């Protein structure tokens, strides 16, 4: 596993036409094999539009040491090169198209939350009037601090490790960056995936929210 703070390198930008050509061929081959893809599709310039998606992307951009890689990752995800992205407990698995015909395989691991942080979020989530309000991102400003910042629930660089099958031995390659931005787009569609990724059972959140509603 590469770690987030090792030395970066510079590689030539691939042509967009070659990317699109390889992308079309890769998707066709995967479909012929019967593989079910979950691509990241970006409409317009904004990678994410919801509070959850934008907050995830904003958190990534606090990692200033890798600004150049993040910018290239943005271009990649907007081009549609993340042809498959799956979010699991503590793990993100993606296939990202590059200049070679076979897509690169990206695996990103997120360290599990401490029980202390789990309890903190459950306690704070219990103060939300409805689960729908929580997942919509429509909650008090003071709660947003629970997710963002150095002690927040969005992962910090030290909590992230990853590997990519590409030959770029920089710690964060553009394929990894594209996959991370793809998570932001995916949270637009399903914010509950954040809880899955961080190892928090959404059922526990529901139970706390319901208990709080009964008490009120």
N, C-alpha and C. Protein backbone atom coordinates (compact mmCIF):
# COMPACT_ATOMS: atom_id res chain seq x y z
N UNK A 1 0.83 -1.20 0.00
CA UNK A 1 0.00 0.00 0.00
C UNK A 1 0.87 1.26 0.00
N UNK A 2 0.55 2.19 -0.88
CA UNK A 2 1.24 3.47 -0.84
C UNK A 2 0.57 4.35 0.20
N UNK A 3 1.33 5.21 0.79
CA UNK A 3 0.79 6.15 1.77
C UNK A 3 0.77 7.55 1.19
N UNK A 4 -0.04 8.42 1.78
CA UNK A 4 -0.42 9.68 1.18
C UNK A 4 0.67 10.73 1.14
N UNK A 5 1.78 10.51 1.82
CA UNK A 5 2.73 11.62 1.94
C UNK A 5 4.07 11.33 1.29
N UNK A 6 4.18 10.29 0.47
CA UNK A 6 5.44 9.99 -0.20
C UNK A 6 5.66 10.89 -1.41
N UNK A 7 6.80 10.71 -2.10
CA UNK A 7 7.22 11.63 -3.15
C UNK A 7 6.35 11.50 -4.39
N UNK A 8 5.98 12.65 -4.99
CA UNK A 8 5.20 12.70 -6.21
C UNK A 8 6.15 12.75 -7.42
N UNK A 9 5.63 12.36 -8.58
CA UNK A 9 6.38 12.44 -9.82
C UNK A 9 5.48 13.05 -10.87
N UNK A 10 6.06 13.51 -11.97
CA UNK A 10 5.28 14.13 -13.03
C UNK A 10 5.31 13.25 -14.27
N UNK A 11 4.12 12.98 -14.83
CA UNK A 11 4.01 12.18 -16.03
C UNK A 11 3.26 12.97 -17.08
N UNK A 12 3.51 12.66 -18.34
CA UNK A 12 2.88 13.38 -19.44
C UNK A 12 1.37 13.18 -19.42
N UNK A 13 0.63 14.21 -19.85
CA UNK A 13 -0.82 14.13 -19.92
C UNK A 13 -1.22 13.27 -21.12
N UNK A 14 -2.11 12.31 -20.94
CA UNK A 14 -2.58 11.53 -22.08
C UNK A 14 -3.55 12.34 -22.92
N UNK A 15 -3.67 12.02 -24.20
CA UNK A 15 -4.61 12.73 -25.06
C UNK A 15 -6.02 12.29 -24.72
N UNK A 16 -6.96 13.25 -24.77
CA UNK A 16 -8.35 12.94 -24.43
C UNK A 16 -8.95 11.99 -25.44
N UNK A 17 -8.55 12.11 -26.71
CA UNK A 17 -9.11 11.23 -27.75
C UNK A 17 -8.71 9.77 -27.50
N UNK A 18 -7.46 9.54 -27.05
CA UNK A 18 -7.02 8.19 -26.76
C UNK A 18 -7.77 7.63 -25.55
N UNK A 19 -7.96 8.47 -24.55
CA UNK A 19 -8.72 8.05 -23.38
C UNK A 19 -10.13 7.61 -23.77
N UNK A 20 -10.78 8.42 -24.56
CA UNK A 20 -12.16 8.11 -24.96
C UNK A 20 -12.23 6.84 -25.80
N UNK A 21 -11.25 6.66 -26.65
CA UNK A 21 -11.20 5.46 -27.49
C UNK A 21 -11.04 4.21 -26.61
N UNK A 22 -10.08 4.26 -25.69
CA UNK A 22 -9.86 3.12 -24.79
C UNK A 22 -11.06 2.90 -23.88
N UNK A 23 -11.67 4.00 -23.46
CA UNK A 23 -12.84 3.92 -22.57
C UNK A 23 -13.98 3.17 -23.25
N UNK A 24 -14.27 3.51 -24.47
CA UNK A 24 -15.35 2.87 -25.22
C UNK A 24 -15.08 1.38 -25.39
N UNK A 25 -13.84 1.03 -25.73
CA UNK A 25 -13.49 -0.37 -25.94
C UNK A 25 -13.54 -1.17 -24.64
N UNK A 26 -13.09 -0.56 -23.54
CA UNK A 26 -13.09 -1.25 -22.25
C UNK A 26 -14.50 -1.55 -21.76
N UNK A 27 -15.38 -0.57 -21.88
CA UNK A 27 -16.77 -0.76 -21.45
C UNK A 27 -17.42 -1.87 -22.28
N UNK A 28 -17.15 -1.88 -23.57
CA UNK A 28 -17.71 -2.91 -24.45
C UNK A 28 -17.23 -4.29 -24.04
N UNK A 29 -15.93 -4.42 -23.76
CA UNK A 29 -15.37 -5.72 -23.37
C UNK A 29 -15.94 -6.21 -22.05
N UNK A 30 -16.08 -5.29 -21.09
CA UNK A 30 -16.63 -5.68 -19.79
C UNK A 30 -18.07 -6.15 -19.92
N UNK A 31 -18.84 -5.50 -20.76
CA UNK A 31 -20.22 -5.91 -20.98
C UNK A 31 -20.29 -7.27 -21.66
N UNK A 32 -19.39 -7.49 -22.59
CA UNK A 32 -19.34 -8.79 -23.28
C UNK A 32 -19.01 -9.91 -22.31
N UNK A 33 -18.22 -9.61 -21.29
CA UNK A 33 -17.87 -10.61 -20.27
C UNK A 33 -18.96 -10.79 -19.22
N UNK A 34 -19.98 -9.94 -19.29
CA UNK A 34 -21.07 -10.03 -18.34
C UNK A 34 -20.79 -9.34 -17.02
N UNK A 35 -19.74 -8.51 -16.98
CA UNK A 35 -19.41 -7.78 -15.75
C UNK A 35 -20.32 -6.57 -15.58
N UNK A 36 -20.88 -6.41 -14.41
CA UNK A 36 -21.75 -5.28 -14.13
C UNK A 36 -20.91 -4.11 -13.64
N UNK A 37 -20.91 -3.04 -14.41
CA UNK A 37 -20.14 -1.86 -14.05
C UNK A 37 -21.01 -0.82 -13.36
N UNK A 38 -20.40 -0.09 -12.45
CA UNK A 38 -21.07 1.02 -11.78
C UNK A 38 -20.24 2.27 -12.04
N UNK A 39 -20.39 2.86 -13.23
CA UNK A 39 -19.54 4.00 -13.61
C UNK A 39 -19.91 5.27 -12.87
N UNK A 40 -18.93 6.17 -12.79
CA UNK A 40 -19.17 7.50 -12.24
C UNK A 40 -19.44 8.43 -13.42
N UNK A 41 -20.64 8.99 -13.44
CA UNK A 41 -21.04 9.88 -14.54
C UNK A 41 -21.20 11.29 -13.99
N UNK A 42 -20.46 12.22 -14.56
CA UNK A 42 -20.51 13.61 -14.13
C UNK A 42 -21.25 14.43 -15.18
N UNK A 43 -22.27 15.16 -14.74
CA UNK A 43 -23.01 16.04 -15.64
C UNK A 43 -22.60 17.48 -15.35
N UNK A 44 -22.03 18.15 -16.33
CA UNK A 44 -21.58 19.52 -16.13
C UNK A 44 -20.20 19.57 -15.47
N UNK A 45 -19.82 20.74 -15.00
CA UNK A 45 -18.49 20.93 -14.43
C UNK A 45 -18.40 20.48 -12.98
N UNK A 46 -19.49 20.63 -12.24
CA UNK A 46 -19.47 20.29 -10.82
C UNK A 46 -19.42 18.78 -10.64
N UNK A 47 -18.42 18.31 -9.90
CA UNK A 47 -18.30 16.88 -9.64
C UNK A 47 -19.39 16.42 -8.68
N UNK A 48 -19.69 17.25 -7.70
CA UNK A 48 -20.72 16.92 -6.71
C UNK A 48 -21.60 18.14 -6.49
N UNK A 49 -22.87 17.89 -6.18
CA UNK A 49 -23.83 18.98 -6.00
C UNK A 49 -24.46 18.98 -4.61
N UNK A 50 -24.55 17.83 -3.96
CA UNK A 50 -25.17 17.76 -2.64
C UNK A 50 -24.18 18.20 -1.57
N UNK A 51 -24.70 18.45 -0.35
CA UNK A 51 -23.80 18.81 0.75
C UNK A 51 -22.79 17.71 0.99
N UNK A 52 -23.24 16.45 1.00
CA UNK A 52 -22.36 15.33 1.29
C UNK A 52 -21.25 15.21 0.26
N UNK A 53 -21.64 15.27 -1.02
CA UNK A 53 -20.64 15.13 -2.08
C UNK A 53 -19.64 16.27 -2.09
N UNK A 54 -20.14 17.49 -1.96
CA UNK A 54 -19.24 18.67 -1.96
C UNK A 54 -18.33 18.67 -0.74
N UNK A 55 -18.88 18.27 0.41
CA UNK A 55 -18.06 18.24 1.63
C UNK A 55 -16.95 17.20 1.51
N UNK A 56 -17.24 16.06 0.90
CA UNK A 56 -16.21 15.04 0.68
C UNK A 56 -15.10 15.59 -0.20
N UNK A 57 -15.48 16.24 -1.31
CA UNK A 57 -14.48 16.78 -2.23
C UNK A 57 -13.69 17.93 -1.58
N UNK A 58 -14.37 18.77 -0.82
CA UNK A 58 -13.68 19.86 -0.12
C UNK A 58 -12.65 19.30 0.85
N UNK A 59 -12.99 18.21 1.52
CA UNK A 59 -12.06 17.59 2.46
C UNK A 59 -10.81 17.11 1.73
N UNK A 60 -10.98 16.52 0.55
CA UNK A 60 -9.83 16.08 -0.23
C UNK A 60 -8.91 17.26 -0.56
N UNK A 61 -9.51 18.39 -0.87
CA UNK A 61 -8.74 19.53 -1.33
C UNK A 61 -8.00 20.24 -0.21
N UNK A 62 -8.19 19.79 1.01
CA UNK A 62 -7.38 20.30 2.11
C UNK A 62 -5.99 19.66 2.12
N UNK A 63 -5.82 18.61 1.31
CA UNK A 63 -4.52 17.93 1.24
C UNK A 63 -3.65 18.67 0.22
N UNK A 64 -3.19 19.85 0.59
CA UNK A 64 -2.54 20.77 -0.34
C UNK A 64 -1.28 20.19 -0.98
N UNK A 65 -0.60 19.26 -0.33
CA UNK A 65 0.64 18.71 -0.88
C UNK A 65 0.42 17.99 -2.20
N UNK A 66 -0.82 17.62 -2.47
CA UNK A 66 -1.10 16.85 -3.68
C UNK A 66 -2.07 17.58 -4.61
N UNK A 67 -1.98 18.92 -4.59
CA UNK A 67 -2.90 19.72 -5.38
C UNK A 67 -2.84 19.37 -6.87
N UNK A 68 -1.62 19.14 -7.39
CA UNK A 68 -1.50 18.85 -8.82
C UNK A 68 -2.15 17.53 -9.18
N UNK A 69 -2.00 16.54 -8.34
CA UNK A 69 -2.61 15.24 -8.60
C UNK A 69 -4.13 15.31 -8.50
N UNK A 70 -4.62 16.09 -7.56
CA UNK A 70 -6.06 16.22 -7.40
C UNK A 70 -6.67 16.88 -8.63
N UNK A 71 -5.99 17.88 -9.17
CA UNK A 71 -6.50 18.55 -10.37
C UNK A 71 -6.58 17.59 -11.54
N UNK A 72 -5.58 16.74 -11.68
CA UNK A 72 -5.59 15.77 -12.77
C UNK A 72 -6.68 14.72 -12.53
N UNK A 73 -6.90 14.39 -11.26
CA UNK A 73 -7.97 13.47 -10.92
C UNK A 73 -9.32 14.04 -11.29
N UNK A 74 -9.51 15.34 -11.08
CA UNK A 74 -10.76 15.99 -11.46
C UNK A 74 -11.00 15.86 -12.96
N UNK A 75 -9.96 16.13 -13.75
CA UNK A 75 -10.11 16.02 -15.20
C UNK A 75 -10.47 14.60 -15.61
N UNK A 76 -9.85 13.65 -14.96
CA UNK A 76 -10.10 12.25 -15.29
C UNK A 76 -11.54 11.85 -14.97
N UNK A 77 -12.01 12.20 -13.79
CA UNK A 77 -13.36 11.77 -13.41
C UNK A 77 -14.41 12.46 -14.29
N UNK A 78 -14.16 13.71 -14.66
CA UNK A 78 -15.10 14.42 -15.54
C UNK A 78 -15.16 13.80 -16.93
N UNK A 79 -14.06 13.20 -17.36
CA UNK A 79 -14.00 12.57 -18.68
C UNK A 79 -14.73 11.24 -18.71
N UNK A 80 -15.09 10.74 -17.54
CA UNK A 80 -15.81 9.47 -17.48
C UNK A 80 -14.90 8.26 -17.39
N UNK A 81 -13.65 8.46 -16.98
CA UNK A 81 -12.69 7.36 -16.96
C UNK A 81 -12.90 6.39 -15.79
N UNK A 82 -13.66 6.80 -14.77
CA UNK A 82 -13.94 5.88 -13.67
C UNK A 82 -15.11 5.01 -14.11
N UNK A 83 -14.80 3.89 -14.75
CA UNK A 83 -15.85 3.07 -15.35
C UNK A 83 -16.53 2.15 -14.34
N UNK A 84 -15.94 2.02 -13.17
CA UNK A 84 -16.55 1.19 -12.14
C UNK A 84 -16.06 1.68 -10.78
N UNK A 85 -16.99 1.85 -9.84
CA UNK A 85 -16.61 2.28 -8.50
C UNK A 85 -17.58 1.67 -7.50
N UNK A 86 -17.03 0.93 -6.56
CA UNK A 86 -17.84 0.28 -5.54
C UNK A 86 -17.32 0.68 -4.17
N UNK A 87 -18.25 1.05 -3.29
CA UNK A 87 -17.93 1.46 -1.93
C UNK A 87 -18.37 0.37 -0.97
N UNK A 88 -17.43 -0.08 -0.15
CA UNK A 88 -17.70 -1.12 0.84
C UNK A 88 -17.22 -0.63 2.20
N UNK A 89 -17.41 -1.42 3.20
CA UNK A 89 -16.96 -1.06 4.54
C UNK A 89 -15.44 -0.90 4.54
N UNK A 90 -14.98 0.31 4.75
CA UNK A 90 -13.55 0.59 4.84
C UNK A 90 -12.78 0.46 3.54
N UNK A 91 -13.49 0.38 2.41
CA UNK A 91 -12.77 0.12 1.16
C UNK A 91 -13.51 0.69 -0.04
N UNK A 92 -12.73 1.20 -1.01
CA UNK A 92 -13.24 1.68 -2.29
C UNK A 92 -12.49 0.91 -3.37
N UNK A 93 -13.21 0.28 -4.26
CA UNK A 93 -12.59 -0.46 -5.36
C UNK A 93 -13.06 0.17 -6.67
N UNK A 94 -12.11 0.49 -7.55
CA UNK A 94 -12.48 1.17 -8.79
C UNK A 94 -11.66 0.65 -9.95
N UNK A 95 -12.21 0.82 -11.14
CA UNK A 95 -11.48 0.61 -12.38
C UNK A 95 -11.46 1.95 -13.10
N UNK A 96 -10.26 2.39 -13.43
CA UNK A 96 -10.10 3.70 -14.05
C UNK A 96 -9.36 3.53 -15.38
N UNK A 97 -9.96 4.04 -16.43
CA UNK A 97 -9.36 3.92 -17.76
C UNK A 97 -8.20 4.88 -17.91
N UNK A 98 -7.14 4.41 -18.53
CA UNK A 98 -5.97 5.25 -18.80
C UNK A 98 -5.55 5.13 -20.24
N UNK A 99 -4.27 5.31 -20.51
CA UNK A 99 -3.77 5.28 -21.88
C UNK A 99 -3.58 3.87 -22.43
N UNK A 100 -3.50 2.88 -21.53
CA UNK A 100 -3.43 1.52 -22.03
C UNK A 100 -4.85 0.98 -22.18
N UNK A 101 -5.00 -0.10 -22.92
CA UNK A 101 -6.34 -0.60 -23.23
C UNK A 101 -7.05 -1.18 -22.00
N UNK A 102 -6.28 -1.81 -21.13
CA UNK A 102 -6.88 -2.41 -19.95
C UNK A 102 -6.99 -1.38 -18.84
N UNK A 103 -8.17 -1.21 -18.23
CA UNK A 103 -8.33 -0.22 -17.16
C UNK A 103 -7.43 -0.55 -15.97
N UNK A 104 -7.01 0.46 -15.26
CA UNK A 104 -6.21 0.27 -14.05
C UNK A 104 -7.14 -0.06 -12.88
N UNK A 105 -6.66 -0.90 -12.01
CA UNK A 105 -7.42 -1.27 -10.83
C UNK A 105 -6.92 -0.45 -9.64
N UNK A 106 -7.85 0.22 -8.99
CA UNK A 106 -7.54 1.06 -7.84
C UNK A 106 -8.22 0.48 -6.61
N UNK A 107 -7.47 0.39 -5.53
CA UNK A 107 -8.05 -0.01 -4.24
C UNK A 107 -7.63 1.00 -3.18
N UNK A 108 -8.62 1.57 -2.53
CA UNK A 108 -8.39 2.58 -1.50
C UNK A 108 -8.96 2.05 -0.19
N UNK A 109 -8.15 2.08 0.85
CA UNK A 109 -8.61 1.61 2.16
C UNK A 109 -8.69 2.80 3.12
N UNK A 110 -9.78 2.83 3.87
CA UNK A 110 -10.01 3.87 4.86
C UNK A 110 -9.98 3.23 6.24
N UNK A 111 -9.14 3.74 7.12
CA UNK A 111 -9.04 3.17 8.46
C UNK A 111 -10.39 3.28 9.17
N UNK A 112 -10.75 2.26 9.94
CA UNK A 112 -12.04 2.29 10.64
C UNK A 112 -12.07 3.38 11.70
N UNK A 113 -13.27 3.88 11.95
CA UNK A 113 -13.44 4.86 13.02
C UNK A 113 -13.22 4.22 14.37
N UNK A 114 -12.74 5.00 15.30
CA UNK A 114 -12.65 4.51 16.67
C UNK A 114 -14.07 4.43 17.23
N UNK A 115 -14.24 3.58 18.23
CA UNK A 115 -15.55 3.47 18.86
C UNK A 115 -15.99 4.80 19.45
N UNK A 116 -15.03 5.58 19.91
CA UNK A 116 -15.33 6.90 20.47
C UNK A 116 -15.97 7.80 19.43
N UNK A 117 -15.41 7.79 18.22
CA UNK A 117 -15.98 8.62 17.16
C UNK A 117 -17.34 8.09 16.72
N UNK A 118 -17.49 6.77 16.70
CA UNK A 118 -18.79 6.17 16.34
C UNK A 118 -19.86 6.63 17.32
N UNK A 119 -19.53 6.58 18.59
CA UNK A 119 -20.50 6.99 19.62
C UNK A 119 -20.82 8.47 19.49
N UNK A 120 -19.82 9.26 19.13
CA UNK A 120 -20.03 10.71 18.99
C UNK A 120 -21.02 11.01 17.88
N UNK A 121 -20.86 10.33 16.74
CA UNK A 121 -21.77 10.61 15.62
C UNK A 121 -23.17 10.11 15.93
N UNK A 122 -23.29 8.97 16.60
CA UNK A 122 -24.61 8.45 16.94
C UNK A 122 -25.31 9.37 17.92
N UNK A 123 -24.55 9.91 18.86
CA UNK A 123 -25.13 10.82 19.83
C UNK A 123 -25.61 12.10 19.14
N UNK A 124 -24.78 12.62 18.24
CA UNK A 124 -25.15 13.86 17.56
C UNK A 124 -26.27 13.63 16.55
N UNK A 125 -26.25 12.46 15.88
CA UNK A 125 -27.30 12.17 14.91
C UNK A 125 -28.65 12.02 15.59
N UNK A 126 -28.63 11.62 16.85
CA UNK A 126 -29.88 11.47 17.59
C UNK A 126 -30.58 12.80 17.81
N UNK A 127 -29.88 13.90 17.59
CA UNK A 127 -30.46 15.23 17.76
C UNK A 127 -31.08 15.76 16.47
N UNK A 128 -30.96 14.98 15.40
CA UNK A 128 -31.58 15.37 14.13
C UNK A 128 -33.04 14.92 14.14
N UNK A 129 -33.93 15.79 13.67
CA UNK A 129 -35.35 15.50 13.75
C UNK A 129 -35.75 14.29 12.91
N UNK A 130 -35.17 14.15 11.74
CA UNK A 130 -35.49 13.01 10.88
C UNK A 130 -34.22 12.49 10.22
N UNK A 131 -34.24 11.18 9.89
CA UNK A 131 -33.11 10.59 9.18
C UNK A 131 -32.97 11.22 7.81
N UNK A 132 -34.11 11.58 7.20
CA UNK A 132 -34.09 12.20 5.88
C UNK A 132 -33.32 13.52 5.91
N UNK A 133 -33.50 14.26 7.00
CA UNK A 133 -32.78 15.54 7.12
C UNK A 133 -31.28 15.31 7.24
N UNK A 134 -30.90 14.28 7.97
CA UNK A 134 -29.48 13.95 8.12
C UNK A 134 -28.86 13.62 6.77
N UNK A 135 -29.51 12.74 6.02
CA UNK A 135 -28.95 12.29 4.75
C UNK A 135 -29.00 13.38 3.68
N UNK A 136 -29.91 14.33 3.82
CA UNK A 136 -29.98 15.42 2.85
C UNK A 136 -28.89 16.46 3.09
N UNK A 137 -28.24 16.39 4.27
CA UNK A 137 -27.22 17.38 4.61
C UNK A 137 -27.82 18.65 5.17
N UNK A 138 -29.14 18.63 5.41
CA UNK A 138 -29.84 19.79 5.95
C UNK A 138 -29.85 19.69 7.47
N UNK A 139 -28.73 20.03 8.08
CA UNK A 139 -28.65 19.96 9.52
C UNK A 139 -27.87 21.16 10.05
N UNK A 140 -27.96 21.42 11.36
CA UNK A 140 -27.34 22.63 11.93
C UNK A 140 -25.85 22.75 11.60
N UNK A 141 -25.39 24.00 11.46
CA UNK A 141 -23.99 24.25 11.12
C UNK A 141 -23.03 23.63 12.13
N UNK A 142 -23.41 23.63 13.40
CA UNK A 142 -22.50 23.08 14.41
C UNK A 142 -22.29 21.58 14.21
N UNK A 143 -23.26 20.89 13.59
CA UNK A 143 -23.09 19.46 13.33
C UNK A 143 -22.11 19.20 12.21
N UNK A 144 -21.99 20.17 11.30
CA UNK A 144 -21.08 19.99 10.17
C UNK A 144 -19.64 19.85 10.66
N UNK A 145 -19.34 20.46 11.79
CA UNK A 145 -17.99 20.35 12.35
C UNK A 145 -17.68 18.92 12.76
N UNK A 146 -18.72 18.13 13.02
CA UNK A 146 -18.52 16.74 13.39
C UNK A 146 -17.94 15.94 12.24
N UNK A 147 -18.25 16.36 11.01
CA UNK A 147 -17.80 15.63 9.83
C UNK A 147 -16.50 16.19 9.26
N UNK A 148 -16.33 17.50 9.32
CA UNK A 148 -15.18 18.13 8.70
C UNK A 148 -14.15 18.55 9.74
N UNK A 149 -12.96 18.87 9.27
CA UNK A 149 -11.90 19.31 10.17
C UNK A 149 -11.00 18.16 10.60
N UNK A 150 -9.96 18.50 11.30
CA UNK A 150 -8.93 17.53 11.69
C UNK A 150 -9.49 16.38 12.52
N UNK A 151 -10.48 16.68 13.37
CA UNK A 151 -11.07 15.65 14.21
C UNK A 151 -12.42 15.16 13.69
N UNK A 152 -12.70 15.49 12.43
CA UNK A 152 -14.00 15.14 11.86
C UNK A 152 -14.07 13.70 11.39
N UNK A 153 -15.23 13.34 10.85
CA UNK A 153 -15.46 11.97 10.42
C UNK A 153 -15.09 11.71 8.97
N UNK A 154 -14.86 12.78 8.19
CA UNK A 154 -14.29 12.57 6.87
C UNK A 154 -12.82 12.18 7.07
N UNK A 155 -12.31 11.24 6.30
CA UNK A 155 -10.96 10.72 6.56
C UNK A 155 -9.86 11.74 6.32
N UNK A 156 -8.82 11.62 7.12
CA UNK A 156 -7.61 12.43 6.99
C UNK A 156 -6.56 11.62 6.21
N UNK A 157 -5.50 12.28 5.69
CA UNK A 157 -4.48 11.56 4.92
C UNK A 157 -3.92 10.35 5.64
N UNK A 158 -3.71 10.45 6.94
CA UNK A 158 -3.14 9.33 7.69
C UNK A 158 -4.08 8.14 7.79
N UNK A 159 -5.36 8.36 7.46
CA UNK A 159 -6.35 7.29 7.53
C UNK A 159 -6.59 6.64 6.18
N UNK A 160 -5.89 7.10 5.15
CA UNK A 160 -6.10 6.61 3.80
C UNK A 160 -4.85 5.90 3.28
N UNK A 161 -5.01 4.73 2.72
CA UNK A 161 -3.92 4.06 2.00
C UNK A 161 -4.50 3.52 0.71
N UNK A 162 -3.65 3.37 -0.31
CA UNK A 162 -4.20 2.96 -1.60
C UNK A 162 -3.12 2.35 -2.49
N UNK A 163 -3.59 1.68 -3.51
CA UNK A 163 -2.69 1.15 -4.52
C UNK A 163 -3.39 1.20 -5.88
N UNK A 164 -2.57 1.32 -6.92
CA UNK A 164 -3.08 1.36 -8.29
C UNK A 164 -2.18 0.50 -9.15
N UNK A 165 -2.75 -0.16 -10.14
CA UNK A 165 -1.96 -1.05 -11.00
C UNK A 165 -1.19 -0.29 -12.09
N UNK A 166 -1.29 1.04 -12.10
CA UNK A 166 -0.57 1.82 -13.12
C UNK A 166 0.92 1.89 -12.79
N UNK A 167 1.77 2.28 -13.75
CA UNK A 167 3.22 2.34 -13.51
C UNK A 167 3.67 3.63 -12.83
N UNK A 168 2.75 4.51 -12.49
CA UNK A 168 3.11 5.76 -11.83
C UNK A 168 3.35 5.46 -10.35
N UNK A 169 4.60 5.56 -9.92
CA UNK A 169 4.94 5.20 -8.54
C UNK A 169 4.83 6.38 -7.58
N UNK A 170 4.25 7.48 -8.07
CA UNK A 170 3.93 8.56 -7.13
C UNK A 170 2.93 8.03 -6.12
N UNK A 171 2.94 8.61 -4.94
CA UNK A 171 2.03 8.09 -3.92
C UNK A 171 0.59 8.18 -4.36
N UNK A 172 0.17 9.34 -4.82
CA UNK A 172 -1.19 9.47 -5.34
C UNK A 172 -1.12 9.70 -6.84
N UNK A 173 -1.53 8.73 -7.60
CA UNK A 173 -1.59 8.91 -9.05
C UNK A 173 -2.94 9.52 -9.41
N UNK A 174 -3.09 9.92 -10.66
CA UNK A 174 -4.34 10.56 -11.10
C UNK A 174 -5.51 9.59 -11.07
N UNK A 175 -5.23 8.29 -11.19
CA UNK A 175 -6.31 7.30 -11.17
C UNK A 175 -6.91 7.18 -9.77
N UNK A 176 -6.04 7.20 -8.77
CA UNK A 176 -6.51 7.19 -7.37
C UNK A 176 -7.30 8.47 -7.09
N UNK A 177 -6.77 9.62 -7.54
CA UNK A 177 -7.45 10.89 -7.32
C UNK A 177 -8.82 10.89 -7.97
N UNK A 178 -8.90 10.35 -9.19
CA UNK A 178 -10.19 10.29 -9.89
C UNK A 178 -11.19 9.43 -9.11
N UNK A 179 -10.72 8.31 -8.57
CA UNK A 179 -11.61 7.44 -7.80
C UNK A 179 -12.09 8.13 -6.53
N UNK A 180 -11.21 8.88 -5.87
CA UNK A 180 -11.61 9.59 -4.66
C UNK A 180 -12.66 10.65 -4.97
N UNK A 181 -12.49 11.37 -6.07
CA UNK A 181 -13.52 12.33 -6.47
C UNK A 181 -14.80 11.60 -6.87
N UNK A 182 -14.65 10.41 -7.43
CA UNK A 182 -15.83 9.64 -7.79
C UNK A 182 -16.70 9.32 -6.58
N UNK A 183 -16.06 9.15 -5.42
CA UNK A 183 -16.81 8.92 -4.19
C UNK A 183 -17.71 10.11 -3.89
N UNK A 184 -17.21 11.33 -4.10
CA UNK A 184 -18.02 12.52 -3.89
C UNK A 184 -19.26 12.52 -4.76
N UNK A 185 -19.09 12.15 -6.03
CA UNK A 185 -20.23 12.07 -6.95
C UNK A 185 -21.21 10.99 -6.51
N UNK A 186 -20.69 9.88 -6.02
CA UNK A 186 -21.55 8.78 -5.59
C UNK A 186 -22.34 9.14 -4.33
N UNK A 187 -21.75 9.96 -3.45
CA UNK A 187 -22.48 10.39 -2.26
C UNK A 187 -23.64 11.31 -2.61
N UNK A 188 -23.57 11.96 -3.76
CA UNK A 188 -24.72 12.72 -4.24
C UNK A 188 -25.93 11.80 -4.40
N UNK A 189 -25.68 10.61 -4.89
CA UNK A 189 -26.75 9.65 -5.17
C UNK A 189 -27.21 8.92 -3.91
N UNK A 190 -26.28 8.65 -3.02
CA UNK A 190 -26.60 7.85 -1.84
C UNK A 190 -25.69 8.22 -0.68
N UNK A 191 -26.06 9.23 0.11
CA UNK A 191 -25.22 9.65 1.23
C UNK A 191 -25.00 8.56 2.27
N UNK A 192 -25.90 7.58 2.34
CA UNK A 192 -25.75 6.50 3.31
C UNK A 192 -24.47 5.70 3.07
N UNK A 193 -23.92 5.78 1.85
CA UNK A 193 -22.68 5.07 1.55
C UNK A 193 -21.52 5.59 2.40
N UNK A 194 -21.62 6.85 2.85
CA UNK A 194 -20.57 7.38 3.73
C UNK A 194 -20.50 6.56 5.01
N UNK A 195 -21.65 6.23 5.57
CA UNK A 195 -21.69 5.46 6.80
C UNK A 195 -21.17 4.04 6.55
N UNK A 196 -21.49 3.49 5.38
CA UNK A 196 -20.97 2.17 5.00
C UNK A 196 -19.45 2.21 4.94
N UNK A 197 -18.92 3.22 4.27
CA UNK A 197 -17.47 3.35 4.10
C UNK A 197 -16.77 3.48 5.44
N UNK A 198 -17.35 4.24 6.35
CA UNK A 198 -16.71 4.50 7.64
C UNK A 198 -17.03 3.44 8.68
N UNK A 199 -17.77 2.42 8.29
CA UNK A 199 -18.01 1.31 9.20
C UNK A 199 -19.07 1.58 10.25
N UNK A 200 -19.98 2.52 9.96
CA UNK A 200 -21.08 2.81 10.87
C UNK A 200 -22.34 2.15 10.32
N UNK A 201 -22.96 1.28 11.07
CA UNK A 201 -24.18 0.62 10.63
C UNK A 201 -25.30 1.64 10.53
N UNK A 202 -25.87 1.79 9.33
CA UNK A 202 -26.94 2.75 9.15
C UNK A 202 -28.14 2.38 10.02
N UNK A 203 -28.28 1.08 10.32
CA UNK A 203 -29.37 0.64 11.20
C UNK A 203 -29.26 1.26 12.58
N UNK A 204 -28.02 1.42 13.07
CA UNK A 204 -27.82 2.05 14.37
C UNK A 204 -28.23 3.51 14.33
N UNK A 205 -27.94 4.17 13.21
CA UNK A 205 -28.33 5.56 13.06
C UNK A 205 -29.85 5.68 13.05
N UNK A 206 -30.51 4.77 12.32
CA UNK A 206 -31.97 4.77 12.26
C UNK A 206 -32.56 4.56 13.66
N UNK A 207 -32.02 3.59 14.39
CA UNK A 207 -32.52 3.30 15.74
C UNK A 207 -32.41 4.52 16.66
N UNK A 208 -31.26 5.20 16.58
CA UNK A 208 -31.06 6.38 17.43
C UNK A 208 -32.02 7.49 17.04
N UNK A 209 -32.21 7.69 15.73
CA UNK A 209 -33.12 8.73 15.27
C UNK A 209 -34.56 8.43 15.70
N UNK A 210 -34.96 7.17 15.60
CA UNK A 210 -36.32 6.78 16.01
C UNK A 210 -36.51 6.94 17.50
N UNK A 211 -35.51 6.54 18.28
CA UNK A 211 -35.59 6.66 19.73
C UNK A 211 -35.72 8.12 20.14
N UNK A 212 -34.96 8.98 19.45
CA UNK A 212 -35.01 10.40 19.74
C UNK A 212 -36.40 10.96 19.41
N UNK A 213 -37.01 10.47 18.30
CA UNK A 213 -38.32 10.94 17.90
C UNK A 213 -39.38 10.55 18.95
N UNK A 214 -39.26 9.33 19.49
CA UNK A 214 -40.19 8.85 20.50
C UNK A 214 -40.07 9.69 21.77
N UNK A 215 -38.84 9.99 22.16
CA UNK A 215 -38.61 10.78 23.37
C UNK A 215 -39.20 12.18 23.26
N UNK A 216 -39.20 12.72 22.03
CA UNK A 216 -39.73 14.06 21.82
C UNK A 216 -41.25 14.02 21.86
